[in-house]
C-alpha cells in the first residue's frame, strides 16, 4: 500500500514537459519519495501551453514570454487552478516542485496558490 500522496513537478520525474522540451529528472528526489504516492503535475502544460514553448518570466503578477513579450498569464493561472484541484482531490498537503520556474518556482503562480491553500512546498 502506498503512503502519503504528494504532488510532484512532472519534469522532476523525467517527463519531457519543460519549455525546452526536456526534463529535469531528479533521481535523488524520486528515491526520497519511494514510499509516497506520487501525483505528477505540470501546470504549464495542464494550463494549455505546448511543449516545447517559448521561455517565460514572472513579472509582477503577470507571466511574459522572454522573446516575443507575449502575456501568457491566463495559461499559468488555469494550470495553477488545475494543480490546486488535483491537490484537493487527493488530499495532498505536501508538494515537491521545480525551482526557478514561473509556475512552480519559489515565486511561481502555482506555488503561490498552493501555499495560500495550505500545501507545504519543497523546491528542487
PDB file of N, CA and C in Angstrom:
ATOM      1  N   UNK A   1       0.844  -1.190   0.000  1.00  0.00           N
ATOM      2  CA  UNK A   1       0.000   0.000   0.000  1.00  0.00           C
ATOM      3  C   UNK A   1       0.887   1.251   0.000  1.00  0.00           C
ATOM      4  N   UNK A   2       0.564   2.170  -0.887  1.00  0.00           N
ATOM      5  CA  UNK A   2       1.344   3.404  -1.000  1.00  0.00           C
ATOM      6  C   UNK A   2       1.101   4.300   0.207  1.00  0.00           C
ATOM      7  N   UNK A   3       2.083   5.134   0.471  1.00  0.00           N
ATOM      8  CA  UNK A   3       1.981   6.044   1.604  1.00  0.00           C
ATOM      9  C   UNK A   3       1.253   7.322   1.246  1.00  0.00           C
ATOM     10  N   UNK A   4       1.636   8.374   1.929  1.00  0.00           N
ATOM     11  CA  UNK A   4       1.064   9.697   1.736  1.00  0.00           C
ATOM     12  C   UNK A   4       1.142  10.120   0.262  1.00  0.00           C
ATOM     13  N   UNK A   5       0.102  10.786  -0.208  1.00  0.00           N
ATOM     14  CA  UNK A   5       0.083  11.315  -1.576  1.00  0.00           C
ATOM     15  C   UNK A   5       0.799  12.667  -1.592  1.00  0.00           C
ATOM     16  N   UNK A   6       1.658  12.861  -2.597  1.00  0.00           N
ATOM     17  CA  UNK A   6       2.390  14.118  -2.754  1.00  0.00           C
ATOM     18  C   UNK A   6       2.311  14.572  -4.206  1.00  0.00           C
ATOM     19  N   UNK A   7       2.282  15.867  -4.390  1.00  0.00           N
ATOM     20  CA  UNK A   7       2.283  16.473  -5.725  1.00  0.00           C
ATOM     21  C   UNK A   7       3.736  16.705  -6.125  1.00  0.00           C
ATOM     22  N   UNK A   8       4.105  16.326  -7.360  1.00  0.00           N
ATOM     23  CA  UNK A   8       5.489  16.481  -7.806  1.00  0.00           C
ATOM     24  C   UNK A   8       5.492  17.046  -9.225  1.00  0.00           C
ATOM     25  N   UNK A   9       6.335  18.055  -9.456  1.00  0.00           N
ATOM     26  CA  UNK A   9       6.511  18.583 -10.816  1.00  0.00           C
ATOM     27  C   UNK A   9       6.897  17.437 -11.740  1.00  0.00           C
ATOM     28  N   UNK A  10       6.134  17.278 -12.818  1.00  0.00           N
ATOM     29  CA  UNK A  10       6.350  16.167 -13.744  1.00  0.00           C
ATOM     30  C   UNK A  10       7.757  16.171 -14.330  1.00  0.00           C
ATOM     31  N   UNK A  11       8.329  17.351 -14.573  1.00  0.00           N
ATOM     32  CA  UNK A  11       9.683  17.412 -15.148  1.00  0.00           C
ATOM     33  C   UNK A  11      10.710  16.798 -14.215  1.00  0.00           C
ATOM     34  N   UNK A  12      10.481  16.868 -12.895  1.00  0.00           N
ATOM     35  CA  UNK A  12      11.401  16.269 -11.934  1.00  0.00           C
ATOM     36  C   UNK A  12      11.326  14.746 -11.955  1.00  0.00           C
ATOM     37  N   UNK A  13      10.233  14.225 -12.501  1.00  0.00           N
ATOM     38  CA  UNK A  13      10.038  12.777 -12.606  1.00  0.00           C
ATOM     39  C   UNK A  13      10.542  12.233 -13.936  1.00  0.00           C
ATOM     40  N   UNK A  14      11.041  13.117 -14.814  1.00  0.00           N
ATOM     41  CA  UNK A  14      11.580  12.686 -16.098  1.00  0.00           C
ATOM     42  C   UNK A  14      10.655  12.904 -17.276  1.00  0.00           C
ATOM     43  N   UNK A  15       9.520  13.570 -17.068  1.00  0.00           N
ATOM     44  CA  UNK A  15       8.597  13.863 -18.166  1.00  0.00           C
ATOM     45  C   UNK A  15       9.139  15.053 -18.960  1.00  0.00           C
ATOM     46  N   UNK A  16       9.205  14.910 -20.264  1.00  0.00           N
ATOM     47  CA  UNK A  16       9.708  15.982 -21.133  1.00  0.00           C
ATOM     48  C   UNK A  16       8.618  17.035 -21.360  1.00  0.00           C
ATOM     49  N   UNK A  17       8.402  17.874 -20.345  1.00  0.00           N
ATOM     50  CA  UNK A  17       7.330  18.864 -20.418  1.00  0.00           C
ATOM     51  C   UNK A  17       7.826  20.292 -20.188  1.00  0.00           C
ATOM     52  N   UNK A  18       9.131  20.466 -20.029  1.00  0.00           N
ATOM     53  CA  UNK A  18       9.663  21.813 -19.819  1.00  0.00           C
ATOM     54  C   UNK A  18       9.568  22.636 -21.095  1.00  0.00           C
ATOM     55  N   UNK A  19       9.750  23.938 -20.960  1.00  0.00           N
ATOM     56  CA  UNK A  19       9.646  24.845 -22.107  1.00  0.00           C
ATOM     57  C   UNK A  19      10.550  24.413 -23.263  1.00  0.00           C
ATOM     58  N   UNK A  20      11.717  23.836 -22.943  1.00  0.00           N
ATOM     59  CA  UNK A  20      12.676  23.442 -23.984  1.00  0.00           C
ATOM     60  C   UNK A  20      12.454  22.012 -24.479  1.00  0.00           C
ATOM     61  N   UNK A  21      11.363  21.384 -24.048  1.00  0.00           N
ATOM     62  CA  UNK A  21      11.048  20.028 -24.478  1.00  0.00           C
ATOM     63  C   UNK A  21      11.796  18.956 -23.713  1.00  0.00           C
ATOM     64  N   UNK A  22      12.505  19.358 -22.691  1.00  0.00           N
ATOM     65  CA  UNK A  22      13.306  18.421 -21.903  1.00  0.00           C
ATOM     66  C   UNK A  22      12.718  18.234 -20.512  1.00  0.00           C
ATOM     67  N   UNK A  23      13.472  17.552 -19.656  1.00  0.00           N
ATOM     68  CA  UNK A  23      13.045  17.335 -18.273  1.00  0.00           C
ATOM     69  C   UNK A  23      14.185  17.693 -17.331  1.00  0.00           C
ATOM     70  N   UNK A  24      13.927  17.636 -16.068  1.00  0.00           N
ATOM     71  CA  UNK A  24      14.932  17.862 -15.028  1.00  0.00           C
ATOM     72  C   UNK A  24      14.854  16.705 -14.028  1.00  0.00           C
ATOM     73  N   UNK A  25      14.867  15.473 -14.567  1.00  0.00           N
ATOM     74  CA  UNK A  25      14.714  14.290 -13.728  1.00  0.00           C
ATOM     75  C   UNK A  25      15.684  14.331 -12.554  1.00  0.00           C
ATOM     76  N   UNK A  26      15.130  14.088 -11.362  1.00  0.00           N
ATOM     77  CA  UNK A  26      15.904  14.161 -10.139  1.00  0.00           C
ATOM     78  C   UNK A  26      15.820  12.808  -9.433  1.00  0.00           C
ATOM     79  N   UNK A  27      16.825  11.970  -9.670  1.00  0.00           N
ATOM     80  CA  UNK A  27      16.839  10.613  -9.093  1.00  0.00           C
ATOM     81  C   UNK A  27      16.816  10.639  -7.565  1.00  0.00           C
ATOM     82  N   UNK A  28      17.518  11.601  -6.987  1.00  0.00           N
ATOM     83  CA  UNK A  28      17.560  11.701  -5.518  1.00  0.00           C
ATOM     84  C   UNK A  28      16.143  11.939  -4.965  1.00  0.00           C
ATOM     85  N   UNK A  29      15.407  12.842  -5.598  1.00  0.00           N
ATOM     86  CA  UNK A  29      14.037  13.113  -5.172  1.00  0.00           C
ATOM     87  C   UNK A  29      13.158  11.875  -5.364  1.00  0.00           C
ATOM     88  N   UNK A  30      13.273  11.225  -6.510  1.00  0.00           N
ATOM     89  CA  UNK A  30      12.460  10.034  -6.785  1.00  0.00           C
ATOM     90  C   UNK A  30      12.718   8.960  -5.724  1.00  0.00           C
ATOM     91  N   UNK A  31      13.982   8.756  -5.368  1.00  0.00           N
ATOM     92  CA  UNK A  31      14.319   7.790  -4.312  1.00  0.00           C
ATOM     93  C   UNK A  31      13.740   8.230  -2.967  1.00  0.00           C
ATOM     94  N   UNK A  32      13.832   9.521  -2.692  1.00  0.00           N
ATOM     95  CA  UNK A  32      13.329  10.065  -1.431  1.00  0.00           C
ATOM     96  C   UNK A  32      11.817   9.830  -1.280  1.00  0.00           C
ATOM     97  N   UNK A  33      11.126   9.802  -2.420  1.00  0.00           N
ATOM     98  CA  UNK A  33       9.655   9.679  -2.397  1.00  0.00           C
ATOM     99  C   UNK A  33       9.169   8.255  -2.670  1.00  0.00           C
ATOM    100  N   UNK A  34      10.059   7.273  -2.610  1.00  0.00           N
ATOM    101  CA  UNK A  34       9.664   5.913  -2.996  1.00  0.00           C
ATOM    102  C   UNK A  34       8.563   5.316  -2.119  1.00  0.00           C
ATOM    103  N   UNK A  35       8.390   5.815  -0.903  1.00  0.00           N
ATOM    104  CA  UNK A  35       7.318   5.304  -0.044  1.00  0.00           C
ATOM    105  C   UNK A  35       6.059   6.179  -0.102  1.00  0.00           C
ATOM    106  N   UNK A  36       6.041   7.146  -1.007  1.00  0.00           N
ATOM    107  CA  UNK A  36       4.891   8.049  -1.168  1.00  0.00           C
ATOM    108  C   UNK A  36       4.137   7.696  -2.450  1.00  0.00           C
ATOM    109  N   UNK A  37       2.899   8.132  -2.531  1.00  0.00           N
ATOM    110  CA  UNK A  37       2.155   8.021  -3.786  1.00  0.00           C
ATOM    111  C   UNK A  37       2.329   9.341  -4.528  1.00  0.00           C
ATOM    112  N   UNK A  38       3.002   9.282  -5.665  1.00  0.00           N
ATOM    113  CA  UNK A  38       3.342  10.486  -6.424  1.00  0.00           C
ATOM    114  C   UNK A  38       2.230  10.843  -7.399  1.00  0.00           C
ATOM    115  N   UNK A  39       1.770  12.091  -7.313  1.00  0.00           N
ATOM    116  CA  UNK A  39       0.793  12.640  -8.251  1.00  0.00           C
ATOM    117  C   UNK A  39       1.539  13.692  -9.074  1.00  0.00           C
ATOM    118  N   UNK A  40       1.838  13.384 -10.362  1.00  0.00           N
ATOM    119  CA  UNK A  40       2.590  14.342 -11.178  1.00  0.00           C
ATOM    120  C   UNK A  40       1.734  15.531 -11.615  1.00  0.00           C
ATOM    121  N   UNK A  41       2.396  16.668 -11.797  1.00  0.00           N
ATOM    122  CA  UNK A  41       1.699  17.872 -12.245  1.00  0.00           C
ATOM    123  C   UNK A  41       2.650  18.714 -13.098  1.00  0.00           C
ATOM    124  N   UNK A  42       2.128  19.245 -14.210  1.00  0.00           N
ATOM    125  CA  UNK A  42       2.838  20.258 -14.982  1.00  0.00           C
ATOM    126  C   UNK A  42       1.817  21.355 -15.272  1.00  0.00           C
ATOM    127  N   UNK A  43       1.765  22.370 -14.427  1.00  0.00           N
ATOM    128  CA  UNK A  43       0.756  23.419 -14.584  1.00  0.00           C
ATOM    129  C   UNK A  43       0.797  24.125 -15.936  1.00  0.00           C
ATOM    130  N   UNK A  44       1.967  24.263 -16.525  1.00  0.00           N
ATOM    131  CA  UNK A  44       2.064  24.971 -17.804  1.00  0.00           C
ATOM    132  C   UNK A  44       1.386  24.171 -18.912  1.00  0.00           C
ATOM    133  N   UNK A  45       1.653  22.872 -18.956  1.00  0.00           N
ATOM    134  CA  UNK A  45       1.017  22.015 -19.959  1.00  0.00           C
ATOM    135  C   UNK A  45      -0.471  21.861 -19.645  1.00  0.00           C
ATOM    136  N   UNK A  46      -0.791  21.612 -18.373  1.00  0.00           N
ATOM    137  CA  UNK A  46      -2.196  21.443 -17.992  1.00  0.00           C
ATOM    138  C   UNK A  46      -2.989  22.731 -18.179  1.00  0.00           C
ATOM    139  N   UNK A  47      -2.284  23.871 -18.219  1.00  0.00           N
ATOM    140  CA  UNK A  47      -2.925  25.152 -18.465  1.00  0.00           C
ATOM    141  C   UNK A  47      -3.118  25.450 -19.946  1.00  0.00           C
ATOM    142  N   UNK A  48      -2.585  24.568 -20.818  1.00  0.00           N
ATOM    143  CA  UNK A  48      -2.822  24.713 -22.246  1.00  0.00           C
ATOM    144  C   UNK A  48      -1.632  25.113 -23.092  1.00  0.00           C
ATOM    145  N   UNK A  49      -0.439  25.232 -22.493  1.00  0.00           N
ATOM    146  CA  UNK A  49       0.739  25.602 -23.274  1.00  0.00           C
ATOM    147  C   UNK A  49       1.368  24.358 -23.903  1.00  0.00           C
ATOM    148  N   UNK A  50       1.946  24.503 -25.102  1.00  0.00           N
ATOM    149  CA  UNK A  50       2.571  23.359 -25.776  1.00  0.00           C
ATOM    150  C   UNK A  50       3.975  23.082 -25.231  1.00  0.00           C
ATOM    151  N   UNK A  51       4.507  21.934 -25.597  1.00  0.00           N
ATOM    152  CA  UNK A  51       5.903  21.583 -25.327  1.00  0.00           C
ATOM    153  C   UNK A  51       6.524  21.220 -26.655  1.00  0.00           C
ATOM    154  N   UNK A  52       7.618  21.837 -27.059  1.00  0.00           N
ATOM    155  CA  UNK A  52       8.281  22.949 -26.377  1.00  0.00           C
ATOM    156  C   UNK A  52       7.494  24.247 -26.540  1.00  0.00           C
ATOM    157  N   UNK A  53       7.928  25.261 -25.785  1.00  0.00           N
ATOM    158  CA  UNK A  53       7.287  26.585 -25.827  1.00  0.00           C
ATOM    159  C   UNK A  53       8.339  27.636 -25.508  1.00  0.00           C
ATOM    160  N   UNK A  54       8.009  28.857 -25.804  1.00  0.00           N
ATOM    161  CA  UNK A  54       8.933  29.954 -25.500  1.00  0.00           C
ATOM    162  C   UNK A  54       9.089  30.077 -23.989  1.00  0.00           C
ATOM    163  N   UNK A  55      10.314  30.315 -23.550  1.00  0.00           N
ATOM    164  CA  UNK A  55      10.540  30.512 -22.121  1.00  0.00           C
ATOM    165  C   UNK A  55       9.815  31.779 -21.669  1.00  0.00           C
ATOM    166  N   UNK A  56       9.495  31.817 -20.382  1.00  0.00           N
ATOM    167  CA  UNK A  56       8.733  32.939 -19.835  1.00  0.00           C
ATOM    168  C   UNK A  56       9.260  33.290 -18.453  1.00  0.00           C
ATOM    169  N   UNK A  57       8.955  34.507 -18.041  1.00  0.00           N
ATOM    170  CA  UNK A  57       9.415  35.014 -16.751  1.00  0.00           C
ATOM    171  C   UNK A  57       8.259  35.685 -16.034  1.00  0.00           C
ATOM    172  N   UNK A  58       8.220  35.509 -14.733  1.00  0.00           N
ATOM    173  CA  UNK A  58       7.231  36.195 -13.911  1.00  0.00           C
ATOM    174  C   UNK A  58       7.637  37.650 -13.784  1.00  0.00           C
ATOM    175  N   UNK A  59       6.713  38.545 -14.111  1.00  0.00           N
ATOM    176  CA  UNK A  59       6.934  39.987 -13.981  1.00  0.00           C
ATOM    177  C   UNK A  59       5.760  40.559 -13.205  1.00  0.00           C
ATOM    178  N   UNK A  60       5.971  40.737 -11.908  1.00  0.00           N
ATOM    179  CA  UNK A  60       4.866  41.179 -11.056  1.00  0.00           C
ATOM    180  C   UNK A  60       3.804  40.095 -10.986  1.00  0.00           C
ATOM    181  N   UNK A  61       2.573  40.446 -11.308  1.00  0.00           N
ATOM    182  CA  UNK A  61       1.503  39.442 -11.268  1.00  0.00           C
ATOM    183  C   UNK A  61       1.256  38.823 -12.646  1.00  0.00           C
ATOM    184  N   UNK A  62       2.130  39.080 -13.599  1.00  0.00           N
ATOM    185  CA  UNK A  62       1.990  38.562 -14.969  1.00  0.00           C
ATOM    186  C   UNK A  62       3.123  37.595 -15.282  1.00  0.00           C
ATOM    187  N   UNK A  63       2.915  36.787 -16.322  1.00  0.00           N
ATOM    188  CA  UNK A  63       3.980  35.940 -16.867  1.00  0.00           C
ATOM    189  C   UNK A  63       4.106  36.303 -18.341  1.00  0.00           C
ATOM    190  N   UNK A  64       5.302  36.720 -18.728  1.00  0.00           N
ATOM    191  CA  UNK A  64       5.556  37.247 -20.069  1.00  0.00           C
ATOM    192  C   UNK A  64       6.635  36.391 -20.737  1.00  0.00           C
ATOM    193  N   UNK A  65       6.412  36.041 -22.029  1.00  0.00           N
ATOM    194  CA  UNK A  65       7.438  35.272 -22.743  1.00  0.00           C
ATOM    195  C   UNK A  65       8.671  36.144 -22.948  1.00  0.00           C
ATOM    196  N   UNK A  66       9.824  35.499 -22.935  1.00  0.00           N
ATOM    197  CA  UNK A  66      11.089  36.239 -22.915  1.00  0.00           C
ATOM    198  C   UNK A  66      11.464  36.906 -24.235  1.00  0.00           C
ATOM    199  N   UNK A  67      10.998  36.389 -25.365  1.00  0.00           N
ATOM    200  CA  UNK A  67      11.420  36.943 -26.655  1.00  0.00           C
ATOM    201  C   UNK A  67      10.310  37.734 -27.341  1.00  0.00           C
ATOM    202  N   UNK A  68       9.135  37.157 -27.464  1.00  0.00           N
ATOM    203  CA  UNK A  68       8.044  37.851 -28.158  1.00  0.00           C
ATOM    204  C   UNK A  68       7.241  38.751 -27.226  1.00  0.00           C
ATOM    205  N   UNK A  69       7.521  38.678 -25.917  1.00  0.00           N
ATOM    206  CA  UNK A  69       6.852  39.519 -24.906  1.00  0.00           C
ATOM    207  C   UNK A  69       5.346  39.274 -24.870  1.00  0.00           C
ATOM    208  N   UNK A  70       4.924  38.050 -25.157  1.00  0.00           N
ATOM    209  CA  UNK A  70       3.505  37.675 -25.110  1.00  0.00           C
ATOM    210  C   UNK A  70       3.096  37.420 -23.652  1.00  0.00           C
ATOM    211  N   UNK A  71       1.926  37.914 -23.282  1.00  0.00           N
ATOM    212  CA  UNK A  71       1.383  37.692 -21.940  1.00  0.00           C
ATOM    213  C   UNK A  71       0.723  36.306 -21.912  1.00  0.00           C
ATOM    214  N   UNK A  72       1.321  35.382 -21.170  1.00  0.00           N
ATOM    215  CA  UNK A  72       0.784  34.016 -21.077  1.00  0.00           C
ATOM    216  C   UNK A  72       0.192  33.741 -19.693  1.00  0.00           C
ATOM    217  N   UNK A  73      -0.059  34.797 -18.948  1.00  0.00           N
ATOM    218  CA  UNK A  73      -0.596  34.668 -17.593  1.00  0.00           C
ATOM    219  C   UNK A  73      -1.846  33.798 -17.528  1.00  0.00           C
ATOM    220  N   UNK A  74      -2.819  33.960 -18.447  1.00  0.00           N
ATOM    221  CA  UNK A  74      -4.033  33.130 -18.341  1.00  0.00           C
ATOM    222  C   UNK A  74      -3.735  31.621 -18.345  1.00  0.00           C
ATOM    223  N   UNK A  75      -2.772  31.175 -19.149  1.00  0.00           N
ATOM    224  CA  UNK A  75      -2.404  29.754 -19.174  1.00  0.00           C
ATOM    225  C   UNK A  75      -1.834  29.322 -17.826  1.00  0.00           C
ATOM    226  N   UNK A  76      -1.006  30.180 -17.244  1.00  0.00           N
ATOM    227  CA  UNK A  76      -0.397  29.873 -15.953  1.00  0.00           C
ATOM    228  C   UNK A  76      -1.441  29.834 -14.844  1.00  0.00           C
ATOM    229  N   UNK A  77      -2.418  30.732 -14.905  1.00  0.00           N
ATOM    230  CA  UNK A  77      -3.477  30.739 -13.883  1.00  0.00           C
ATOM    231  C   UNK A  77      -4.359  29.492 -13.981  1.00  0.00           C
ATOM    232  N   UNK A  78      -4.721  29.106 -15.204  1.00  0.00           N
ATOM    233  CA  UNK A  78      -5.525  27.886 -15.401  1.00  0.00           C
ATOM    234  C   UNK A  78      -4.753  26.678 -14.870  1.00  0.00           C
ATOM    235  N   UNK A  79      -3.466  26.593 -15.196  1.00  0.00           N
ATOM    236  CA  UNK A  79      -2.641  25.484 -14.719  1.00  0.00           C
ATOM    237  C   UNK A  79      -2.534  25.450 -13.210  1.00  0.00           C
ATOM    238  N   UNK A  80      -2.431  26.615 -12.592  1.00  0.00           N
ATOM    239  CA  UNK A  80      -2.352  26.691 -11.130  1.00  0.00           C
ATOM    240  C   UNK A  80      -3.634  26.180 -10.492  1.00  0.00           C
ATOM    241  N   UNK A  81      -4.764  26.589 -11.041  1.00  0.00           N
ATOM    242  CA  UNK A  81      -6.057  26.139 -10.515  1.00  0.00           C
ATOM    243  C   UNK A  81      -6.195  24.621 -10.671  1.00  0.00           C
ATOM    244  N   UNK A  82      -5.771  24.093 -11.821  1.00  0.00           N
ATOM    245  CA  UNK A  82      -5.835  22.639 -12.030  1.00  0.00           C
ATOM    246  C   UNK A  82      -4.939  21.898 -11.046  1.00  0.00           C
ATOM    247  N   UNK A  83      -3.757  22.446 -10.758  1.00  0.00           N
ATOM    248  CA  UNK A  83      -2.864  21.825  -9.773  1.00  0.00           C
ATOM    249  C   UNK A  83      -3.506  21.831  -8.393  1.00  0.00           C
ATOM    250  N   UNK A  84      -4.133  22.944  -8.032  1.00  0.00           N
ATOM    251  CA  UNK A  84      -4.812  23.030  -6.740  1.00  0.00           C
ATOM    252  C   UNK A  84      -5.971  22.041  -6.678  1.00  0.00           C
ATOM    253  N   UNK A  85      -6.737  21.923  -7.748  1.00  0.00           N
ATOM    254  CA  UNK A  85      -7.847  20.970  -7.779  1.00  0.00           C
ATOM    255  C   UNK A  85      -7.332  19.546  -7.575  1.00  0.00           C
ATOM    256  N   UNK A  86      -6.209  19.231  -8.210  1.00  0.00           N
ATOM    257  CA  UNK A  86      -5.600  17.907  -8.062  1.00  0.00           C
ATOM    258  C   UNK A  86      -5.190  17.693  -6.604  1.00  0.00           C
ATOM    259  N   UNK A  87      -4.567  18.704  -6.014  1.00  0.00           N
ATOM    260  CA  UNK A  87      -4.140  18.604  -4.613  1.00  0.00           C
ATOM    261  C   UNK A  87      -5.344  18.365  -3.697  1.00  0.00           C
ATOM    262  N   UNK A  88      -6.413  19.097  -3.925  1.00  0.00           N
ATOM    263  CA  UNK A  88      -7.608  18.934  -3.092  1.00  0.00           C
ATOM    264  C   UNK A  88      -8.256  17.573  -3.304  1.00  0.00           C
ATOM    265  N   UNK A  89      -8.340  17.137  -4.565  1.00  0.00           N
ATOM    266  CA  UNK A  89      -8.966  15.849  -4.882  1.00  0.00           C
ATOM    267  C   UNK A  89      -8.259  14.697  -4.179  1.00  0.00           C
ATOM    268  N   UNK A  90      -6.926  14.774  -4.090  1.00  0.00           N
ATOM    269  CA  UNK A  90      -6.148  13.690  -3.490  1.00  0.00           C
ATOM    270  C   UNK A  90      -5.767  13.953  -2.030  1.00  0.00           C
ATOM    271  N   UNK A  91      -6.236  15.052  -1.462  1.00  0.00           N
ATOM    272  CA  UNK A  91      -5.934  15.364  -0.067  1.00  0.00           C
ATOM    273  C   UNK A  91      -4.452  15.633   0.178  1.00  0.00           C
ATOM    274  N   UNK A  92      -3.806  16.267  -0.770  1.00  0.00           N
ATOM    275  CA  UNK A  92      -2.360  16.493  -0.710  1.00  0.00           C
ATOM    276  C   UNK A  92      -2.021  17.691   0.175  1.00  0.00           C
ATOM    277  N   UNK A  93      -1.050  17.473   1.066  1.00  0.00           N
ATOM    278  CA  UNK A  93      -0.579  18.523   1.966  1.00  0.00           C
ATOM    279  C   UNK A  93       0.868  18.929   1.667  1.00  0.00           C
ATOM    280  N   UNK A  94       1.544  18.158   0.777  1.00  0.00           N
ATOM    281  CA  UNK A  94       2.956  18.399   0.507  1.00  0.00           C
ATOM    282  C   UNK A  94       3.210  18.306  -0.992  1.00  0.00           C
ATOM    283  N   UNK A  95       4.024  19.260  -1.511  1.00  0.00           N
ATOM    284  CA  UNK A  95       4.387  19.260  -2.923  1.00  0.00           C
ATOM    285  C   UNK A  95       5.895  19.426  -3.066  1.00  0.00           C
ATOM    286  N   UNK A  96       6.432  18.803  -4.108  1.00  0.00           N
ATOM    287  CA  UNK A  96       7.845  18.900  -4.447  1.00  0.00           C
ATOM    288  C   UNK A  96       7.899  19.481  -5.854  1.00  0.00           C
ATOM    289  N   UNK A  97       8.332  20.737  -5.953  1.00  0.00           N
ATOM    290  CA  UNK A  97       8.213  21.471  -7.207  1.00  0.00           C
ATOM    291  C   UNK A  97       9.565  21.913  -7.747  1.00  0.00           C
ATOM    292  N   UNK A  98       9.581  22.200  -9.055  1.00  0.00           N
ATOM    293  CA  UNK A  98      10.787  22.646  -9.752  1.00  0.00           C
ATOM    294  C   UNK A  98      11.070  24.105  -9.396  1.00  0.00           C
ATOM    295  N   UNK A  99      12.255  24.340  -8.865  1.00  0.00           N
ATOM    296  CA  UNK A  99      12.637  25.711  -8.517  1.00  0.00           C
ATOM    297  C   UNK A  99      12.862  26.533  -9.788  1.00  0.00           C
ATOM    298  N   UNK A 100      12.869  27.838  -9.629  1.00  0.00           N
ATOM    299  CA  UNK A 100      13.177  28.795 -10.699  1.00  0.00           C
ATOM    300  C   UNK A 100      12.249  28.664 -11.905  1.00  0.00           C
ATOM    301  N   UNK A 101      11.022  28.267 -11.667  1.00  0.00           N
ATOM    302  CA  UNK A 101      10.013  28.157 -12.725  1.00  0.00           C
ATOM    303  C   UNK A 101       8.965  29.241 -12.495  1.00  0.00           C
ATOM    304  N   UNK A 102       8.450  29.854 -13.577  1.00  0.00           N
ATOM    305  CA  UNK A 102       7.420  30.879 -13.385  1.00  0.00           C
ATOM    306  C   UNK A 102       6.092  30.308 -12.876  1.00  0.00           C
ATOM    307  N   UNK A 103       5.938  28.996 -12.913  1.00  0.00           N
ATOM    308  CA  UNK A 103       4.737  28.395 -12.333  1.00  0.00           C
ATOM    309  C   UNK A 103       5.056  27.703 -11.012  1.00  0.00           C
ATOM    310  N   UNK A 104       6.045  26.822 -11.002  1.00  0.00           N
ATOM    311  CA  UNK A 104       6.318  26.004  -9.817  1.00  0.00           C
ATOM    312  C   UNK A 104       7.384  26.579  -8.894  1.00  0.00           C
ATOM    313  N   UNK A 105       8.164  27.531  -9.360  1.00  0.00           N
ATOM    314  CA  UNK A 105       9.268  28.079  -8.580  1.00  0.00           C
ATOM    315  C   UNK A 105       8.833  28.838  -7.340  1.00  0.00           C
ATOM    316  N   UNK A 106       9.822  29.280  -6.601  1.00  0.00           N
ATOM    317  CA  UNK A 106       9.602  29.922  -5.305  1.00  0.00           C
ATOM    318  C   UNK A 106       8.632  31.097  -5.364  1.00  0.00           C
ATOM    319  N   UNK A 107       8.597  31.823  -6.476  1.00  0.00           N
ATOM    320  CA  UNK A 107       7.629  32.924  -6.611  1.00  0.00           C
ATOM    321  C   UNK A 107       6.687  32.649  -7.786  1.00  0.00           C
ATOM    322  N   UNK A 108       6.491  31.376  -8.096  1.00  0.00           N
ATOM    323  CA  UNK A 108       5.649  30.987  -9.220  1.00  0.00           C
ATOM    324  C   UNK A 108       4.163  31.077  -8.921  1.00  0.00           C
ATOM    325  N   UNK A 109       3.385  31.185  -9.975  1.00  0.00           N
ATOM    326  CA  UNK A 109       1.925  31.316  -9.871  1.00  0.00           C
ATOM    327  C   UNK A 109       1.318  30.102  -9.150  1.00  0.00           C
ATOM    328  N   UNK A 110       1.707  28.890  -9.559  1.00  0.00           N
ATOM    329  CA  UNK A 110       1.158  27.672  -8.946  1.00  0.00           C
ATOM    330  C   UNK A 110       1.625  27.537  -7.509  1.00  0.00           C
ATOM    331  N   UNK A 111       2.905  27.752  -7.278  1.00  0.00           N
ATOM    332  CA  UNK A 111       3.446  27.632  -5.922  1.00  0.00           C
ATOM    333  C   UNK A 111       2.734  28.580  -4.964  1.00  0.00           C
ATOM    334  N   UNK A 112       2.517  29.806  -5.387  1.00  0.00           N
ATOM    335  CA  UNK A 112       1.825  30.778  -4.527  1.00  0.00           C
ATOM    336  C   UNK A 112       0.420  30.318  -4.180  1.00  0.00           C
ATOM    337  N   UNK A 113      -0.308  29.814  -5.187  1.00  0.00           N
ATOM    338  CA  UNK A 113      -1.685  29.365  -4.940  1.00  0.00           C
ATOM    339  C   UNK A 113      -1.699  28.165  -3.997  1.00  0.00           C
ATOM    340  N   UNK A 114      -0.819  27.201  -4.237  1.00  0.00           N
ATOM    341  CA  UNK A 114      -0.779  26.017  -3.365  1.00  0.00           C
ATOM    342  C   UNK A 114      -0.443  26.409  -1.932  1.00  0.00           C
ATOM    343  N   UNK A 115       0.546  27.281  -1.760  1.00  0.00           N
ATOM    344  CA  UNK A 115       0.919  27.717  -0.415  1.00  0.00           C
ATOM    345  C   UNK A 115      -0.230  28.450   0.273  1.00  0.00           C
ATOM    346  N   UNK A 116      -0.909  29.312  -0.473  1.00  0.00           N
ATOM    347  CA  UNK A 116      -2.044  30.060   0.085  1.00  0.00           C
ATOM    348  C   UNK A 116      -3.132  29.108   0.577  1.00  0.00           C
ATOM    349  N   UNK A 117      -3.239  27.942  -0.074  1.00  0.00           N
ATOM    350  CA  UNK A 117      -4.253  26.951   0.299  1.00  0.00           C
ATOM    351  C   UNK A 117      -3.724  25.907   1.272  1.00  0.00           C
ATOM    352  N   UNK A 118      -2.528  26.144   1.844  1.00  0.00           N
ATOM    353  CA  UNK A 118      -2.026  25.296   2.916  1.00  0.00           C
ATOM    354  C   UNK A 118      -1.149  24.122   2.516  1.00  0.00           C
ATOM    355  N   UNK A 119      -0.727  24.074   1.250  1.00  0.00           N
ATOM    356  CA  UNK A 119       0.164  22.995   0.819  1.00  0.00           C
ATOM    357  C   UNK A 119       1.607  23.416   1.112  1.00  0.00           C
ATOM    358  N   UNK A 120       2.334  22.537   1.793  1.00  0.00           N
ATOM    359  CA  UNK A 120       3.752  22.753   2.108  1.00  0.00           C
ATOM    360  C   UNK A 120       4.571  22.403   0.876  1.00  0.00           C
ATOM    361  N   UNK A 121       5.549  23.232   0.520  1.00  0.00           N
ATOM    362  CA  UNK A 121       6.331  23.011  -0.703  1.00  0.00           C
ATOM    363  C   UNK A 121       7.816  22.916  -0.407  1.00  0.00           C
ATOM    364  N   UNK A 122       8.458  21.959  -1.089  1.00  0.00           N
ATOM    365  CA  UNK A 122       9.917  21.887  -1.142  1.00  0.00           C
ATOM    366  C   UNK A 122      10.300  22.024  -2.596  1.00  0.00           C
ATOM    367  N   UNK A 123      11.369  22.807  -2.859  1.00  0.00           N
ATOM    368  CA  UNK A 123      11.785  23.044  -4.245  1.00  0.00           C
ATOM    369  C   UNK A 123      13.052  22.263  -4.572  1.00  0.00           C
ATOM    370  N   UNK A 124      13.113  21.798  -5.809  1.00  0.00           N
ATOM    371  CA  UNK A 124      14.257  21.046  -6.321  1.00  0.00           C
ATOM    372  C   UNK A 124      14.687  21.600  -7.663  1.00  0.00           C
TER     373      UNK A 124
END
